[in-house]
Amino acid sequence: MDTPRAAVRPGEASNATPLPSEPEYAVTGIFFNAEQRSSVMIDGDIFHEGDTIHGAAITKITEGYAELRREGKEWLIKPGEHYRGSEVIRPGK
């Protein structure tokens, strides 16, 4: 028989793990070609300028970084680094 769970009242802690407010992702690499469409690999998927990931638009891809924009905020992402939203959480070497 299942034991009933007590309701959590406002202001009380629950046992549930909170979801991060910003998504985490890893930048694996950049494939830059000045004459063709460049791409950036994030979490194993390939993206191009104009694509979106986690609600952010990829606005520019260069040899060393990709530029993202969401809700008026812009930031750069670099290969080998791990991010939470626009913040580096594990820098590359």
Foldseek 3Di string as FASTA:
>chain_A
DDDDDDDDDPPGDDPDDDDDPFDKKAWAAKADDPVDWIWTAINNDIDTQQDDDSQWGFHDGDRAWTWIDHPHDIATDGHQFMDGHRHTPGHGD
